[in-house]
Amino acid sequence: MAPIQTQQKDNIHIIKLPETVDNVTAKQLEIQFQGWANLPSQIHLLDCSDVQNIDTAFYRPLSLFQKALKDAGKQLTSAKLNPKILKQVTADGMVSVFNPIKPKT
């Protein structure tokens, strides 16, 4: 499995999610989330542009990451969710955790 790509841009920590976020990726991210929560970045952005599949195993670690950020006065948001993934996270009650940026129309 390829490592998760991240980038720091101004005060934003960008996390580029892979095409498939399965239970193995979820475990890898769970470990990395612990360190990322301590970064000075105020905004952590999930770049979902490549994501085609998200396993529900990802929801718990992501929820814990979002809570840790919120408790520290930081924010988690996501961008570029395709319609299928947006529909899934909405149906699964996770849209508030993903906190997607609305595309400009």
N, C-alpha and C. Protein backbone atom coordinates (compact mmCIF):
# COMPACT_ATOMS: atom_id res chain seq x y z
N MET A 1 0.84 -1.18 0.00
CA MET A 1 0.00 0.00 0.00
C MET A 1 0.88 1.24 0.00
N ALA A 2 0.53 2.20 -0.81
CA ALA A 2 1.27 3.46 -0.90
C ALA A 2 0.97 4.31 0.34
N PRO A 3 1.97 5.06 0.79
CA PRO A 3 1.71 5.94 1.93
C PRO A 3 0.70 7.03 1.56
N ILE A 4 0.01 7.51 2.56
CA ILE A 4 -0.95 8.59 2.36
C ILE A 4 -0.15 9.87 2.11
N GLN A 5 -0.50 10.58 1.04
CA GLN A 5 0.20 11.82 0.72
C GLN A 5 -0.42 12.97 1.49
N THR A 6 0.45 13.80 2.06
CA THR A 6 -0.02 15.00 2.75
C THR A 6 0.80 16.19 2.28
N GLN A 7 0.25 17.35 2.48
CA GLN A 7 0.91 18.58 2.07
C GLN A 7 0.48 19.69 3.02
N GLN A 8 1.41 20.54 3.35
CA GLN A 8 1.11 21.71 4.18
C GLN A 8 1.05 22.93 3.27
N LYS A 9 -0.05 23.65 3.31
CA LYS A 9 -0.21 24.84 2.49
C LYS A 9 -0.80 25.93 3.37
N ASP A 10 0.01 26.95 3.65
CA ASP A 10 -0.37 28.00 4.59
C ASP A 10 -0.72 27.34 5.92
N ASN A 11 -1.92 27.54 6.41
CA ASN A 11 -2.32 26.97 7.69
C ASN A 11 -3.25 25.77 7.51
N ILE A 12 -3.12 25.13 6.33
CA ILE A 12 -3.99 24.00 5.99
C ILE A 12 -3.15 22.74 5.78
N HIS A 13 -3.53 21.67 6.46
CA HIS A 13 -2.89 20.36 6.28
C HIS A 13 -3.79 19.56 5.33
N ILE A 14 -3.28 19.26 4.13
CA ILE A 14 -4.06 18.56 3.12
C ILE A 14 -3.71 17.08 3.15
N ILE A 15 -4.73 16.25 3.26
CA ILE A 15 -4.58 14.80 3.30
C ILE A 15 -5.25 14.23 2.06
N LYS A 16 -4.44 13.69 1.15
CA LYS A 16 -4.98 13.16 -0.10
C LYS A 16 -5.34 11.68 0.10
N LEU A 17 -6.63 11.41 0.12
CA LEU A 17 -7.08 10.03 0.32
C LEU A 17 -6.93 9.22 -0.97
N PRO A 18 -6.64 7.92 -0.84
CA PRO A 18 -6.49 7.07 -2.02
C PRO A 18 -7.84 6.72 -2.65
N GLU A 19 -7.79 6.03 -3.78
CA GLU A 19 -9.00 5.65 -4.51
C GLU A 19 -9.94 4.80 -3.65
N THR A 20 -9.35 3.87 -2.89
CA THR A 20 -10.15 3.01 -2.02
C THR A 20 -9.69 3.19 -0.59
N VAL A 21 -10.61 3.57 0.27
CA VAL A 21 -10.33 3.68 1.70
C VAL A 21 -10.98 2.46 2.35
N ASP A 22 -10.19 1.39 2.48
CA ASP A 22 -10.69 0.13 3.03
C ASP A 22 -10.27 0.03 4.50
N ASN A 23 -10.50 -1.14 5.10
CA ASN A 23 -10.18 -1.28 6.52
C ASN A 23 -8.68 -1.20 6.77
N VAL A 24 -7.84 -1.63 5.83
CA VAL A 24 -6.38 -1.53 5.98
C VAL A 24 -5.96 -0.05 5.96
N THR A 25 -6.50 0.69 5.00
CA THR A 25 -6.21 2.13 4.91
C THR A 25 -6.74 2.84 6.16
N ALA A 26 -7.90 2.44 6.63
CA ALA A 26 -8.49 3.05 7.82
C ALA A 26 -7.56 2.88 9.03
N LYS A 27 -6.97 1.69 9.17
CA LYS A 27 -6.05 1.43 10.28
C LYS A 27 -4.79 2.28 10.14
N GLN A 28 -4.29 2.39 8.92
CA GLN A 28 -3.10 3.21 8.65
C GLN A 28 -3.40 4.67 9.00
N LEU A 29 -4.55 5.15 8.58
CA LEU A 29 -4.92 6.54 8.86
C LEU A 29 -5.16 6.77 10.35
N GLU A 30 -5.72 5.79 11.03
CA GLU A 30 -5.98 5.94 12.47
C GLU A 30 -4.69 6.25 13.21
N ILE A 31 -3.61 5.57 12.85
CA ILE A 31 -2.30 5.81 13.47
C ILE A 31 -1.80 7.21 13.12
N GLN A 32 -1.93 7.59 11.86
CA GLN A 32 -1.43 8.90 11.42
C GLN A 32 -2.27 10.04 11.99
N PHE A 33 -3.56 9.84 12.16
CA PHE A 33 -4.43 10.88 12.71
C PHE A 33 -3.93 11.36 14.06
N GLN A 34 -3.40 10.44 14.88
CA GLN A 34 -2.93 10.81 16.21
C GLN A 34 -1.83 11.87 16.13
N GLY A 35 -0.90 11.70 15.22
CA GLY A 35 0.17 12.68 15.04
C GLY A 35 -0.32 13.95 14.37
N TRP A 36 -1.19 13.80 13.38
CA TRP A 36 -1.68 14.95 12.64
C TRP A 36 -2.51 15.89 13.53
N ALA A 37 -3.19 15.34 14.51
CA ALA A 37 -4.00 16.17 15.40
C ALA A 37 -3.13 17.16 16.18
N ASN A 38 -1.85 16.84 16.33
CA ASN A 38 -0.93 17.71 17.07
C ASN A 38 -0.23 18.73 16.19
N LEU A 39 -0.45 18.69 14.89
CA LEU A 39 0.16 19.68 14.00
C LEU A 39 -0.42 21.06 14.31
N PRO A 40 0.34 22.12 14.03
CA PRO A 40 -0.17 23.46 14.31
C PRO A 40 -1.26 23.92 13.34
N SER A 41 -1.47 23.21 12.25
CA SER A 41 -2.48 23.59 11.26
C SER A 41 -3.85 23.72 11.91
N GLN A 42 -4.57 24.78 11.57
CA GLN A 42 -5.91 25.00 12.10
C GLN A 42 -6.97 24.24 11.30
N ILE A 43 -6.67 23.96 10.03
CA ILE A 43 -7.61 23.26 9.15
C ILE A 43 -6.93 22.01 8.60
N HIS A 44 -7.62 20.89 8.68
CA HIS A 44 -7.17 19.63 8.09
C HIS A 44 -8.18 19.30 6.99
N LEU A 45 -7.71 19.23 5.77
CA LEU A 45 -8.57 19.06 4.60
C LEU A 45 -8.38 17.68 3.99
N LEU A 46 -9.45 16.92 3.90
CA LEU A 46 -9.42 15.63 3.21
C LEU A 46 -9.67 15.89 1.73
N ASP A 47 -8.67 15.63 0.90
CA ASP A 47 -8.82 15.74 -0.54
C ASP A 47 -9.35 14.40 -1.04
N CYS A 48 -10.60 14.38 -1.43
CA CYS A 48 -11.28 13.14 -1.84
C CYS A 48 -11.39 13.00 -3.35
N SER A 49 -10.58 13.73 -4.09
CA SER A 49 -10.71 13.75 -5.55
C SER A 49 -10.51 12.39 -6.20
N ASP A 50 -9.70 11.50 -5.58
CA ASP A 50 -9.47 10.17 -6.16
C ASP A 50 -10.38 9.09 -5.58
N VAL A 51 -11.10 9.41 -4.52
CA VAL A 51 -11.85 8.39 -3.78
C VAL A 51 -13.04 7.87 -4.58
N GLN A 52 -13.08 6.54 -4.71
CA GLN A 52 -14.20 5.88 -5.37
C GLN A 52 -14.97 4.96 -4.41
N ASN A 53 -14.28 4.52 -3.34
CA ASN A 53 -14.90 3.61 -2.37
C ASN A 53 -14.42 3.94 -0.97
N ILE A 54 -15.36 4.01 -0.03
CA ILE A 54 -15.02 4.22 1.38
C ILE A 54 -15.71 3.13 2.19
N ASP A 55 -14.91 2.36 2.91
CA ASP A 55 -15.44 1.35 3.81
C ASP A 55 -15.89 2.03 5.10
N THR A 56 -16.95 1.53 5.70
CA THR A 56 -17.45 2.13 6.94
C THR A 56 -16.44 1.98 8.09
N ALA A 57 -15.43 1.12 7.94
CA ALA A 57 -14.37 0.98 8.95
C ALA A 57 -13.61 2.30 9.13
N PHE A 58 -13.69 3.18 8.14
CA PHE A 58 -13.01 4.48 8.19
C PHE A 58 -13.74 5.47 9.08
N TYR A 59 -15.01 5.26 9.31
CA TYR A 59 -15.82 6.24 10.01
C TYR A 59 -15.39 6.47 11.46
N ARG A 60 -15.11 5.42 12.19
CA ARG A 60 -14.76 5.58 13.61
C ARG A 60 -13.45 6.37 13.76
N PRO A 61 -12.34 5.95 13.09
CA PRO A 61 -11.11 6.74 13.25
C PRO A 61 -11.28 8.19 12.79
N LEU A 62 -12.05 8.39 11.74
CA LEU A 62 -12.27 9.75 11.25
C LEU A 62 -13.06 10.57 12.27
N SER A 63 -14.06 9.96 12.87
CA SER A 63 -14.86 10.65 13.88
C SER A 63 -14.01 11.04 15.09
N LEU A 64 -13.13 10.15 15.52
CA LEU A 64 -12.24 10.44 16.64
C LEU A 64 -11.26 11.55 16.30
N PHE A 65 -10.75 11.55 15.07
CA PHE A 65 -9.85 12.60 14.59
C PHE A 65 -10.57 13.94 14.59
N GLN A 66 -11.79 13.94 14.06
CA GLN A 66 -12.58 15.17 14.00
C GLN A 66 -12.85 15.70 15.40
N LYS A 67 -13.14 14.82 16.36
CA LYS A 67 -13.40 15.25 17.73
C LYS A 67 -12.14 15.82 18.37
N ALA A 68 -11.00 15.16 18.15
CA ALA A 68 -9.73 15.66 18.71
C ALA A 68 -9.42 17.05 18.16
N LEU A 69 -9.65 17.23 16.86
CA LEU A 69 -9.41 18.53 16.25
C LEU A 69 -10.35 19.58 16.84
N LYS A 70 -11.62 19.23 16.94
CA LYS A 70 -12.62 20.17 17.47
C LYS A 70 -12.28 20.57 18.91
N ASP A 71 -11.87 19.59 19.71
CA ASP A 71 -11.51 19.86 21.10
C ASP A 71 -10.30 20.80 21.20
N ALA A 72 -9.45 20.78 20.15
CA ALA A 72 -8.26 21.64 20.12
C ALA A 72 -8.53 22.96 19.40
N GLY A 73 -9.80 23.20 19.03
CA GLY A 73 -10.15 24.44 18.34
C GLY A 73 -9.77 24.44 16.87
N LYS A 74 -9.63 23.24 16.31
CA LYS A 74 -9.26 23.10 14.90
C LYS A 74 -10.45 22.54 14.12
N GLN A 75 -10.28 22.42 12.81
CA GLN A 75 -11.40 22.03 11.96
C GLN A 75 -10.98 20.94 10.96
N LEU A 76 -11.90 20.01 10.73
CA LEU A 76 -11.75 19.01 9.67
C LEU A 76 -12.77 19.33 8.59
N THR A 77 -12.34 19.31 7.36
CA THR A 77 -13.25 19.52 6.24
C THR A 77 -12.80 18.61 5.10
N SER A 78 -13.64 18.48 4.10
CA SER A 78 -13.28 17.66 2.94
C SER A 78 -13.68 18.37 1.66
N ALA A 79 -13.03 17.98 0.60
CA ALA A 79 -13.28 18.59 -0.70
C ALA A 79 -13.27 17.53 -1.79
N LYS A 80 -13.98 17.83 -2.84
CA LYS A 80 -13.98 17.03 -4.08
C LYS A 80 -14.56 15.63 -3.89
N LEU A 81 -15.59 15.51 -3.05
CA LEU A 81 -16.28 14.22 -2.94
C LEU A 81 -17.14 14.03 -4.18
N ASN A 82 -17.00 12.87 -4.81
CA ASN A 82 -17.86 12.63 -5.97
C ASN A 82 -19.29 12.37 -5.47
N PRO A 83 -20.27 12.50 -6.35
CA PRO A 83 -21.68 12.37 -5.92
C PRO A 83 -22.00 11.05 -5.21
N LYS A 84 -21.38 9.95 -5.65
CA LYS A 84 -21.64 8.64 -5.04
C LYS A 84 -21.15 8.63 -3.60
N ILE A 85 -19.96 9.15 -3.36
CA ILE A 85 -19.39 9.16 -2.01
C ILE A 85 -20.16 10.13 -1.12
N LEU A 86 -20.52 11.28 -1.65
CA LEU A 86 -21.30 12.25 -0.88
C LEU A 86 -22.65 11.64 -0.47
N LYS A 87 -23.27 10.92 -1.39
CA LYS A 87 -24.55 10.26 -1.08
C LYS A 87 -24.36 9.21 0.01
N GLN A 88 -23.26 8.45 -0.06
CA GLN A 88 -22.98 7.41 0.94
C GLN A 88 -22.77 8.02 2.33
N VAL A 89 -21.89 9.03 2.42
CA VAL A 89 -21.61 9.60 3.75
C VAL A 89 -22.83 10.31 4.33
N THR A 90 -23.66 10.86 3.46
CA THR A 90 -24.90 11.50 3.91
C THR A 90 -25.86 10.43 4.45
N ALA A 91 -26.04 9.35 3.68
CA ALA A 91 -26.93 8.27 4.10
C ALA A 91 -26.45 7.61 5.39
N ASP A 92 -25.13 7.55 5.57
CA ASP A 92 -24.55 6.92 6.75
C ASP A 92 -24.46 7.87 7.95
N GLY A 93 -24.95 9.10 7.79
CA GLY A 93 -24.95 10.05 8.88
C GLY A 93 -23.58 10.63 9.20
N MET A 94 -22.68 10.63 8.22
CA MET A 94 -21.30 11.09 8.44
C MET A 94 -21.00 12.43 7.79
N VAL A 95 -22.00 13.07 7.20
CA VAL A 95 -21.73 14.31 6.46
C VAL A 95 -21.20 15.40 7.39
N SER A 96 -21.63 15.43 8.65
CA SER A 96 -21.13 16.46 9.56
C SER A 96 -19.67 16.22 9.93
N VAL A 97 -19.23 14.98 9.91
CA VAL A 97 -17.82 14.67 10.19
C VAL A 97 -16.97 15.02 8.97
N PHE A 98 -17.41 14.62 7.78
CA PHE A 98 -16.67 14.95 6.57
C PHE A 98 -16.68 16.46 6.31
N ASN A 99 -17.77 17.11 6.70
CA ASN A 99 -17.89 18.56 6.60
C ASN A 99 -17.45 19.05 5.21
N PRO A 100 -18.10 18.57 4.15
CA PRO A 100 -17.64 18.90 2.80
C PRO A 100 -17.79 20.37 2.44
N ILE A 101 -16.78 20.86 1.74
CA ILE A 101 -16.84 22.22 1.20
C ILE A 101 -17.80 22.17 0.03
N LYS A 102 -18.72 23.08 0.00
CA LYS A 102 -19.69 23.13 -1.11
C LYS A 102 -19.01 23.74 -2.33
N PRO A 103 -19.07 23.06 -3.48
CA PRO A 103 -18.45 23.63 -4.69
C PRO A 103 -19.15 24.91 -5.12
N LYS A 104 -18.37 25.82 -5.64
CA LYS A 104 -18.94 27.07 -6.14
C LYS A 104 -19.71 26.79 -7.41
N THR A 105 -20.87 27.41 -7.53
CA THR A 105 -21.69 27.19 -8.73
C THR A 105 -21.72 28.42 -9.59
